[in-house]
Amino acid sequence: MDVLMKIQKDYLNFSKQERKIADYILRFSHELKNMKIGELASKTGTSNASITRFVKKIDCASYPDMKLYINAKDDPKENTQTNGIADEVYLHYQNVIKNTQRLIDTNKITEFLQLIKQARNIIVIGVSSSGVTAEIFSVRLMRMGLPVKSCSDPLWMLMQASIAKPGDLFIAISNTGATHSIVETLAQAKEKGATIVSITSYSENPVSQLSNLVFYVYNTRFVHDEKFPNSQFSNIYLIDVITTFLLENEEFKERLFTTREIIGDL
């Protein structure tokens, strides 16, 4: 049982007090081994009773039981001594990659390959920084010869959804899975018969509930995102993995090399 990943996936279902506990555990799980329940309550500004309820909510029998699961899953700790900003950023990225890797399901990538092969149109959507990631992903797919476009403007997304048809594939990138314009677009597209794929951080959110296929990534808020503002790093890592997997297809690989050659000639 991977307790840390379960906490992240279920995060939106937690109360305000429970999120305080979740935030601390996800950021400082390595400190829990010798920490008593009262100390955790003090550090999170909650109570022993709140922590006990939280532990039950994540399907652990007791606080010691939760710690046991976390300690069993923990990888050997890397050297966290840093010699400056470069090392600190490296450790941050290493943590994000490691935890996102835990969430990647290659069976889902195989399923995704079949969906894009069958798609009549592919529309990749996202807003704000996720909109930039949507554009990056659409370019990757376009260079494989796929019928793809990206949208980050809420009105354009909604218009695309309004004319969607069965055979269209919408790919939504949303860390929280609760952005109103994304949810509204997907609901409209699904009503029109489109297939929905999403990349998000939490399992119980409106976007994942509308999706036919969901990829989960590690949310960078759990590794001090106030200091490291790149909220898209885990999404880009997943896209790199998916892209590399898709390039196992000889047809996609040949098309990508064709676009690379023409760019090289310019």
C-alpha atoms as a PDB file:
ATOM      1  CA  MET A   1       0.000   0.000   0.000  1.00  0.00           C
ATOM      2  CA  ASP A   2       1.506   3.335  -1.086  1.00  0.00           C
ATOM      3  CA  VAL A   3       0.100   5.646   1.567  1.00  0.00           C
ATOM      4  CA  LEU A   4       1.705   8.818   0.194  1.00  0.00           C
ATOM      5  CA  MET A   5       0.228   8.357  -3.262  1.00  0.00           C
ATOM      6  CA  LYS A   6      -3.188   7.560  -1.782  1.00  0.00           C
ATOM      7  CA  ILE A   7      -3.074  10.766   0.278  1.00  0.00           C
ATOM      8  CA  GLN A   8      -2.320  12.833  -2.817  1.00  0.00           C
ATOM      9  CA  LYS A   9      -4.999  11.191  -4.960  1.00  0.00           C
ATOM     10  CA  ASP A  10      -7.665  11.658  -2.261  1.00  0.00           C
ATOM     11  CA  TYR A  11      -6.504  15.142  -1.246  1.00  0.00           C
ATOM     12  CA  LEU A  12      -9.574  17.033  -2.487  1.00  0.00           C
ATOM     13  CA  ASN A  13     -11.820  14.873  -0.291  1.00  0.00           C
ATOM     14  CA  PHE A  14     -10.085  15.972   2.901  1.00  0.00           C
ATOM     15  CA  SER A  15     -11.397  18.619   5.278  1.00  0.00           C
ATOM     16  CA  LYS A  16      -9.374  21.756   6.048  1.00  0.00           C
ATOM     17  CA  GLN A  17      -7.876  20.118   9.159  1.00  0.00           C
ATOM     18  CA  GLU A  18      -7.141  16.910   7.279  1.00  0.00           C
ATOM     19  CA  ARG A  19      -5.333  18.832   4.543  1.00  0.00           C
ATOM     20  CA  LYS A  20      -3.000  20.308   7.162  1.00  0.00           C
ATOM     21  CA  ILE A  21      -2.081  16.772   8.180  1.00  0.00           C
ATOM     22  CA  ALA A  22      -1.810  15.617   4.567  1.00  0.00           C
ATOM     23  CA  ASP A  23       0.447  18.550   3.611  1.00  0.00           C
ATOM     24  CA  TYR A  24       2.847  17.814   6.446  1.00  0.00           C
ATOM     25  CA  ILE A  25       2.994  14.062   5.813  1.00  0.00           C
ATOM     26  CA  LEU A  26       3.539  14.504   2.073  1.00  0.00           C
ATOM     27  CA  ARG A  27       6.309  17.031   2.579  1.00  0.00           C
ATOM     28  CA  PHE A  28       8.047  15.523   5.592  1.00  0.00           C
ATOM     29  CA  SER A  29       7.253  11.800   5.533  1.00  0.00           C
ATOM     30  CA  HIS A  30      10.892  11.030   6.347  1.00  0.00           C
ATOM     31  CA  GLU A  31      10.437  12.707   9.753  1.00  0.00           C
ATOM     32  CA  LEU A  32       7.547  10.468  10.860  1.00  0.00           C
ATOM     33  CA  LYS A  33       9.519   7.346  11.772  1.00  0.00           C
ATOM     34  CA  ASN A  34      10.193   8.398  15.372  1.00  0.00           C
ATOM     35  CA  MET A  35       7.428  10.995  15.691  1.00  0.00           C
ATOM     36  CA  LYS A  36       4.640  10.374  18.175  1.00  0.00           C
ATOM     37  CA  ILE A  37       1.083  11.254  17.300  1.00  0.00           C
ATOM     38  CA  GLY A  38       1.019  14.182  19.734  1.00  0.00           C
ATOM     39  CA  GLU A  39       4.083  15.719  18.110  1.00  0.00           C
ATOM     40  CA  LEU A  40       2.486  15.481  14.663  1.00  0.00           C
ATOM     41  CA  ALA A  41      -0.662  17.094  16.059  1.00  0.00           C
ATOM     42  CA  SER A  42       1.430  19.958  17.438  1.00  0.00           C
ATOM     43  CA  LYS A  43       3.320  20.481  14.179  1.00  0.00           C
ATOM     44  CA  THR A  44       0.122  20.519  12.114  1.00  0.00           C
ATOM     45  CA  GLY A  45      -1.970  22.579  14.510  1.00  0.00           C
ATOM     46  CA  THR A  46      -4.520  19.782  14.834  1.00  0.00           C
ATOM     47  CA  SER A  47      -5.319  17.182  17.515  1.00  0.00           C
ATOM     48  CA  ASN A  48      -4.643  13.520  18.222  1.00  0.00           C
ATOM     49  CA  ALA A  49      -8.275  12.781  17.420  1.00  0.00           C
ATOM     50  CA  SER A  50      -8.009  14.562  14.050  1.00  0.00           C
ATOM     51  CA  ILE A  51      -4.953  12.513  13.122  1.00  0.00           C
ATOM     52  CA  THR A  52      -6.652   9.284  14.184  1.00  0.00           C
ATOM     53  CA  ARG A  53      -9.658  10.112  11.964  1.00  0.00           C
ATOM     54  CA  PHE A  54      -7.322  11.004   9.101  1.00  0.00           C
ATOM     55  CA  VAL A  55      -5.462   7.704   9.443  1.00  0.00           C
ATOM     56  CA  LYS A  56      -8.742   5.767   9.268  1.00  0.00           C
ATOM     57  CA  LYS A  57      -9.806   7.775   6.223  1.00  0.00           C
ATOM     58  CA  ILE A  58      -6.740   6.632   4.288  1.00  0.00           C
ATOM     59  CA  ASP A  59      -7.487   2.988   5.187  1.00  0.00           C
ATOM     60  CA  CYS A  60      -4.804   2.508   7.836  1.00  0.00           C
ATOM     61  CA  ALA A  61      -5.695   0.710  11.051  1.00  0.00           C
ATOM     62  CA  SER A  62      -3.744   3.069  13.309  1.00  0.00           C
ATOM     63  CA  TYR A  63      -1.126   5.822  13.382  1.00  0.00           C
ATOM     64  CA  PRO A  64       1.725   3.286  13.882  1.00  0.00           C
ATOM     65  CA  ASP A  65       0.258   1.269  11.003  1.00  0.00           C
ATOM     66  CA  MET A  66       0.424   4.327   8.728  1.00  0.00           C
ATOM     67  CA  LYS A  67       4.036   5.003   9.707  1.00  0.00           C
ATOM     68  CA  LEU A  68       4.918   1.387   8.992  1.00  0.00           C
ATOM     69  CA  TYR A  69       3.504   1.595   5.473  1.00  0.00           C
ATOM     70  CA  ILE A  70       5.305   4.884   4.814  1.00  0.00           C
ATOM     71  CA  ASN A  71       8.645   3.651   6.130  1.00  0.00           C
ATOM     72  CA  ALA A  72       8.356   0.421   4.128  1.00  0.00           C
ATOM     73  CA  LYS A  73       7.757   2.398   0.928  1.00  0.00           C
ATOM     74  CA  ASP A  74      10.433   5.018   1.472  1.00  0.00           C
ATOM     75  CA  ASP A  75      13.433   4.755  -0.835  1.00  0.00           C
ATOM     76  CA  PRO A  76      16.927   5.056   0.643  1.00  0.00           C
ATOM     77  CA  LYS A  77      17.472   8.736   1.230  1.00  0.00           C
ATOM     78  CA  GLU A  78      19.651  10.608  -1.181  1.00  0.00           C
ATOM     79  CA  ASN A  79      22.250  12.940   0.213  1.00  0.00           C
ATOM     80  CA  THR A  80      20.216  16.055   0.934  1.00  0.00           C
ATOM     81  CA  GLN A  81      23.233  18.237   1.661  1.00  0.00           C
ATOM     82  CA  THR A  82      23.296  20.993  -0.934  1.00  0.00           C
ATOM     83  CA  ASN A  83      26.068  23.251  -2.106  1.00  0.00           C
ATOM     84  CA  GLY A  84      23.824  25.963  -3.411  1.00  0.00           C
ATOM     85  CA  ILE A  85      20.762  26.706  -5.495  1.00  0.00           C
ATOM     86  CA  ALA A  86      21.673  24.359  -8.362  1.00  0.00           C
ATOM     87  CA  ASP A  87      21.859  21.360  -6.025  1.00  0.00           C
ATOM     88  CA  GLU A  88      18.633  22.379  -4.307  1.00  0.00           C
ATOM     89  CA  VAL A  89      16.745  22.571  -7.615  1.00  0.00           C
ATOM     90  CA  TYR A  90      18.248  19.221  -8.653  1.00  0.00           C
ATOM     91  CA  LEU A  91      16.951  17.558  -5.481  1.00  0.00           C
ATOM     92  CA  HIS A  92      13.534  19.132  -6.038  1.00  0.00           C
ATOM     93  CA  TYR A  93      13.298  17.772  -9.571  1.00  0.00           C
ATOM     94  CA  GLN A  94      14.608  14.392  -8.458  1.00  0.00           C
ATOM     95  CA  ASN A  95      11.829  14.173  -5.881  1.00  0.00           C
ATOM     96  CA  VAL A  96       9.128  15.136  -8.407  1.00  0.00           C
ATOM     97  CA  ILE A  97      10.363  12.608 -10.988  1.00  0.00           C
ATOM     98  CA  LYS A  98      10.631   9.802  -8.433  1.00  0.00           C
ATOM     99  CA  ASN A  99       7.103  10.302  -7.158  1.00  0.00           C
ATOM    100  CA  THR A 100       5.577  10.785 -10.602  1.00  0.00           C
ATOM    101  CA  GLN A 101       7.281   7.596 -11.756  1.00  0.00           C
ATOM    102  CA  ARG A 102       5.429   5.724  -9.009  1.00  0.00           C
ATOM    103  CA  LEU A 103       2.128   6.816 -10.543  1.00  0.00           C
ATOM    104  CA  ILE A 104       2.840   5.911 -14.174  1.00  0.00           C
ATOM    105  CA  ASP A 105       0.892   2.919 -15.457  1.00  0.00           C
ATOM    106  CA  THR A 106       2.264   1.622 -18.772  1.00  0.00           C
ATOM    107  CA  ASN A 107      -1.014  -0.204 -19.453  1.00  0.00           C
ATOM    108  CA  LYS A 108      -2.700   3.194 -19.597  1.00  0.00           C
ATOM    109  CA  ILE A 109      -0.108   4.412 -22.104  1.00  0.00           C
ATOM    110  CA  THR A 110      -0.885   1.393 -24.285  1.00  0.00           C
ATOM    111  CA  GLU A 111      -4.580   2.253 -24.062  1.00  0.00           C
ATOM    112  CA  PHE A 112      -3.784   5.880 -24.924  1.00  0.00           C
ATOM    113  CA  LEU A 113      -1.887   4.750 -28.038  1.00  0.00           C
ATOM    114  CA  GLN A 114      -4.991   2.987 -29.291  1.00  0.00           C
ATOM    115  CA  LEU A 115      -7.161   6.032 -28.609  1.00  0.00           C
ATOM    116  CA  ILE A 116      -4.978   8.434 -30.583  1.00  0.00           C
ATOM    117  CA  LYS A 117      -4.688   5.979 -33.485  1.00  0.00           C
ATOM    118  CA  GLN A 118      -8.476   5.890 -33.703  1.00  0.00           C
ATOM    119  CA  ALA A 119      -9.120   9.600 -33.087  1.00  0.00           C
ATOM    120  CA  ARG A 120     -10.770  11.713 -35.785  1.00  0.00           C
ATOM    121  CA  ASN A 121      -9.512  14.910 -34.132  1.00  0.00           C
ATOM    122  CA  ILE A 122      -7.358  15.467 -31.042  1.00  0.00           C
ATOM    123  CA  ILE A 123      -7.837  18.616 -28.951  1.00  0.00           C
ATOM    124  CA  VAL A 124      -5.413  19.246 -26.071  1.00  0.00           C
ATOM    125  CA  ILE A 125      -6.680  21.775 -23.518  1.00  0.00           C
ATOM    126  CA  GLY A 126      -5.318  23.571 -20.469  1.00  0.00           C
ATOM    127  CA  VAL A 127      -5.416  27.057 -18.973  1.00  0.00           C
ATOM    128  CA  SER A 128      -2.655  29.285 -17.590  1.00  0.00           C
ATOM    129  CA  SER A 129       0.603  27.321 -17.223  1.00  0.00           C
ATOM    130  CA  SER A 130      -1.232  24.110 -18.091  1.00  0.00           C
ATOM    131  CA  GLY A 131      -2.148  25.795 -21.373  1.00  0.00           C
ATOM    132  CA  VAL A 132       1.557  26.075 -22.197  1.00  0.00           C
ATOM    133  CA  THR A 133       1.971  22.368 -21.452  1.00  0.00           C
ATOM    134  CA  ALA A 134      -1.038  21.615 -23.675  1.00  0.00           C
ATOM    135  CA  GLU A 135       0.678  23.449 -26.537  1.00  0.00           C
ATOM    136  CA  ILE A 136       3.904  21.476 -25.979  1.00  0.00           C
ATOM    137  CA  PHE A 137       2.025  18.170 -26.005  1.00  0.00           C
ATOM    138  CA  SER A 138       0.066  19.091 -29.139  1.00  0.00           C
ATOM    139  CA  VAL A 139       3.280  19.952 -30.988  1.00  0.00           C
ATOM    140  CA  ARG A 140       4.758  16.571 -30.006  1.00  0.00           C
ATOM    141  CA  LEU A 141       1.685  14.792 -31.385  1.00  0.00           C
ATOM    142  CA  MET A 142       1.503  16.978 -34.497  1.00  0.00           C
ATOM    143  CA  ARG A 143       5.068  16.045 -35.393  1.00  0.00           C
ATOM    144  CA  MET A 144       3.963  12.416 -35.380  1.00  0.00           C
ATOM    145  CA  GLY A 145       1.419  13.276 -38.061  1.00  0.00           C
ATOM    146  CA  LEU A 146      -1.618  13.247 -35.790  1.00  0.00           C
ATOM    147  CA  PRO A 147      -4.659  15.546 -36.348  1.00  0.00           C
ATOM    148  CA  VAL A 148      -4.169  17.669 -33.234  1.00  0.00           C
ATOM    149  CA  LYS A 149      -4.657  21.237 -32.025  1.00  0.00           C
ATOM    150  CA  SER A 150      -4.352  22.895 -28.621  1.00  0.00           C
ATOM    151  CA  CYS A 151      -6.629  25.412 -26.897  1.00  0.00           C
ATOM    152  CA  SER A 152      -6.024  27.487 -23.789  1.00  0.00           C
ATOM    153  CA  ASP A 153      -8.684  30.179 -24.183  1.00  0.00           C
ATOM    154  CA  PRO A 154     -11.879  29.166 -22.311  1.00  0.00           C
ATOM    155  CA  LEU A 155     -14.190  30.358 -25.087  1.00  0.00           C
ATOM    156  CA  TRP A 156     -12.219  28.580 -27.803  1.00  0.00           C
ATOM    157  CA  MET A 157     -12.233  25.395 -25.731  1.00  0.00           C
ATOM    158  CA  LEU A 158     -15.977  25.574 -25.266  1.00  0.00           C
ATOM    159  CA  MET A 159     -16.554  26.198 -28.980  1.00  0.00           C
ATOM    160  CA  GLN A 160     -14.425  23.165 -29.826  1.00  0.00           C
ATOM    161  CA  ALA A 161     -16.491  21.089 -27.409  1.00  0.00           C
ATOM    162  CA  SER A 162     -19.771  22.354 -28.872  1.00  0.00           C
ATOM    163  CA  ILE A 163     -18.899  20.934 -32.315  1.00  0.00           C
ATOM    164  CA  ALA A 164     -17.312  17.713 -31.022  1.00  0.00           C
ATOM    165  CA  LYS A 165     -18.397  14.387 -32.452  1.00  0.00           C
ATOM    166  CA  PRO A 166     -17.888  10.726 -31.592  1.00  0.00           C
ATOM    167  CA  GLY A 167     -14.338   9.871 -32.588  1.00  0.00           C
ATOM    168  CA  ASP A 168     -12.911  13.149 -31.256  1.00  0.00           C
ATOM    169  CA  LEU A 169     -10.375  12.909 -28.428  1.00  0.00           C
ATOM    170  CA  PHE A 170     -10.035  15.655 -25.819  1.00  0.00           C
ATOM    171  CA  ILE A 171      -6.871  15.633 -23.679  1.00  0.00           C
ATOM    172  CA  ALA A 172      -7.153  17.853 -20.591  1.00  0.00           C
ATOM    173  CA  ILE A 173      -4.211  18.975 -18.467  1.00  0.00           C
ATOM    174  CA  SER A 174      -5.298  20.240 -15.054  1.00  0.00           C
ATOM    175  CA  ASN A 175      -3.366  19.794 -11.810  1.00  0.00           C
ATOM    176  CA  THR A 176      -6.369  20.354  -9.559  1.00  0.00           C
ATOM    177  CA  GLY A 177      -8.939  18.915 -11.960  1.00  0.00           C
ATOM    178  CA  ALA A 178     -11.387  21.555 -10.782  1.00  0.00           C
ATOM    179  CA  THR A 179     -10.829  24.500 -13.161  1.00  0.00           C
ATOM    180  CA  HIS A 180     -14.311  25.605 -14.192  1.00  0.00           C
ATOM    181  CA  SER A 181     -13.576  26.219 -17.883  1.00  0.00           C
ATOM    182  CA  ILE A 182     -11.907  22.805 -18.237  1.00  0.00           C
ATOM    183  CA  VAL A 183     -14.763  21.012 -16.476  1.00  0.00           C
ATOM    184  CA  GLU A 184     -17.375  22.862 -18.564  1.00  0.00           C
ATOM    185  CA  THR A 185     -15.537  22.023 -21.802  1.00  0.00           C
ATOM    186  CA  LEU A 186     -15.186  18.340 -20.978  1.00  0.00           C
ATOM    187  CA  ALA A 187     -18.813  18.023 -19.914  1.00  0.00           C
ATOM    188  CA  GLN A 188     -19.905  19.524 -23.230  1.00  0.00           C
ATOM    189  CA  ALA A 189     -17.500  17.342 -25.239  1.00  0.00           C
ATOM    190  CA  LYS A 190     -18.595  14.181 -23.445  1.00  0.00           C
ATOM    191  CA  GLU A 191     -22.239  15.034 -24.096  1.00  0.00           C
ATOM    192  CA  LYS A 192     -21.352  15.190 -27.806  1.00  0.00           C
ATOM    193  CA  GLY A 193     -19.781  11.727 -27.653  1.00  0.00           C
ATOM    194  CA  ALA A 194     -16.085  12.639 -27.491  1.00  0.00           C
ATOM    195  CA  THR A 195     -13.562  10.553 -25.573  1.00  0.00           C
ATOM    196  CA  ILE A 196     -11.788  12.241 -22.640  1.00  0.00           C
ATOM    197  CA  VAL A 197      -8.213  11.696 -21.425  1.00  0.00           C
ATOM    198  CA  SER A 198      -6.854  13.756 -18.537  1.00  0.00           C
ATOM    199  CA  ILE A 199      -3.597  14.457 -16.728  1.00  0.00           C
ATOM    200  CA  THR A 200      -4.176  15.506 -13.121  1.00  0.00           C
ATOM    201  CA  SER A 201      -2.945  15.093  -9.548  1.00  0.00           C
ATOM    202  CA  TYR A 202      -6.074  13.997  -7.689  1.00  0.00           C
ATOM    203  CA  SER A 203      -8.407  11.061  -8.272  1.00  0.00           C
ATOM    204  CA  GLU A 204     -11.592  12.537  -6.858  1.00  0.00           C
ATOM    205  CA  ASN A 205     -12.066  15.665  -8.938  1.00  0.00           C
ATOM    206  CA  PRO A 206     -14.543  16.730 -11.641  1.00  0.00           C
ATOM    207  CA  VAL A 207     -12.063  16.298 -14.507  1.00  0.00           C
ATOM    208  CA  SER A 208     -11.096  12.734 -13.574  1.00  0.00           C
ATOM    209  CA  GLN A 209     -14.749  11.822 -13.099  1.00  0.00           C
ATOM    210  CA  LEU A 210     -15.528  12.976 -16.648  1.00  0.00           C
ATOM    211  CA  SER A 211     -12.557  11.125 -18.131  1.00  0.00           C
ATOM    212  CA  ASN A 212     -12.403   7.789 -19.896  1.00  0.00           C
ATOM    213  CA  LEU A 213      -8.692   7.508 -19.099  1.00  0.00           C
ATOM    214  CA  VAL A 214      -6.742   9.340 -16.377  1.00  0.00           C
ATOM    215  CA  PHE A 215      -2.989   9.788 -15.887  1.00  0.00           C
ATOM    216  CA  TYR A 216      -1.863  10.903 -12.437  1.00  0.00           C
ATOM    217  CA  VAL A 217       1.250  12.957 -11.662  1.00  0.00           C
ATOM    218  CA  TYR A 218       2.895  14.107  -8.449  1.00  0.00           C
ATOM    219  CA  ASN A 219       1.749  17.565  -7.421  1.00  0.00           C
ATOM    220  CA  THR A 220       4.686  19.908  -6.838  1.00  0.00           C
ATOM    221  CA  ARG A 221       2.794  21.706  -4.028  1.00  0.00           C
ATOM    222  CA  PHE A 222       4.062  18.906  -1.783  1.00  0.00           C
ATOM    223  CA  VAL A 223       7.714  19.826  -2.346  1.00  0.00           C
ATOM    224  CA  HIS A 224       7.537  23.513  -1.444  1.00  0.00           C
ATOM    225  CA  ASP A 225       6.033  24.959  -4.608  1.00  0.00           C
ATOM    226  CA  GLU A 226       6.235  28.447  -3.113  1.00  0.00           C
ATOM    227  CA  LYS A 227       9.982  28.199  -3.659  1.00  0.00           C
ATOM    228  CA  PHE A 228       9.899  26.149  -6.883  1.00  0.00           C
ATOM    229  CA  PRO A 229       7.152  27.655  -9.050  1.00  0.00           C
ATOM    230  CA  ASN A 230       7.401  25.127 -11.920  1.00  0.00           C
ATOM    231  CA  SER A 231       4.018  23.460 -11.401  1.00  0.00           C
ATOM    232  CA  GLN A 232       4.252  21.762 -14.801  1.00  0.00           C
ATOM    233  CA  PHE A 233       7.436  19.759 -14.328  1.00  0.00           C
ATOM    234  CA  SER A 234       5.673  16.508 -13.428  1.00  0.00           C
ATOM    235  CA  ASN A 235       3.297  16.948 -16.381  1.00  0.00           C
ATOM    236  CA  ILE A 236       6.209  17.471 -18.778  1.00  0.00           C
ATOM    237  CA  TYR A 237       7.977  14.413 -17.394  1.00  0.00           C
ATOM    238  CA  LEU A 238       4.875  12.281 -18.003  1.00  0.00           C
ATOM    239  CA  ILE A 239       4.538  13.713 -21.525  1.00  0.00           C
ATOM    240  CA  ASP A 240       8.186  12.797 -22.185  1.00  0.00           C
ATOM    241  CA  VAL A 241       7.463   9.223 -21.077  1.00  0.00           C
ATOM    242  CA  ILE A 242       4.305   9.013 -23.202  1.00  0.00           C
ATOM    243  CA  THR A 243       6.060  10.521 -26.231  1.00  0.00           C
ATOM    244  CA  THR A 244       8.964   8.093 -25.973  1.00  0.00           C
ATOM    245  CA  PHE A 245       6.513   5.212 -25.703  1.00  0.00           C
ATOM    246  CA  LEU A 246       4.568   6.402 -28.774  1.00  0.00           C
ATOM    247  CA  LEU A 247       7.774   6.570 -30.790  1.00  0.00           C
ATOM    248  CA  GLU A 248       8.030   2.798 -30.500  1.00  0.00           C
ATOM    249  CA  ASN A 249       5.473   2.958 -33.307  1.00  0.00           C
ATOM    250  CA  GLU A 250       7.476   3.001 -36.567  1.00  0.00           C
ATOM    251  CA  GLU A 251       4.960   5.176 -38.403  1.00  0.00           C
ATOM    252  CA  PHE A 252       5.033   7.861 -35.708  1.00  0.00           C
ATOM    253  CA  LYS A 253       8.827   7.714 -35.542  1.00  0.00           C
ATOM    254  CA  GLU A 254       9.192   8.137 -39.312  1.00  0.00           C
ATOM    255  CA  ARG A 255       6.908  11.182 -39.321  1.00  0.00           C
ATOM    256  CA  LEU A 256       8.830  12.758 -36.442  1.00  0.00           C
ATOM    257  CA  PHE A 257      12.134  12.273 -38.261  1.00  0.00           C
ATOM    258  CA  THR A 258      10.572  13.839 -41.375  1.00  0.00           C
ATOM    259  CA  THR A 259       9.637  16.984 -39.451  1.00  0.00           C
ATOM    260  CA  ARG A 260      13.092  17.063 -37.872  1.00  0.00           C
ATOM    261  CA  GLU A 261      14.757  16.908 -41.288  1.00  0.00           C
ATOM    262  CA  ILE A 262      12.638  19.687 -42.764  1.00  0.00           C
ATOM    263  CA  ILE A 263      13.368  21.939 -39.780  1.00  0.00           C
ATOM    264  CA  GLY A 264      17.055  21.186 -40.164  1.00  0.00           C
ATOM    265  CA  ASP A 265      16.885  22.343 -43.782  1.00  0.00           C
ATOM    266  CA  LEU A 266      15.439  25.759 -42.887  1.00  0.00           C
END
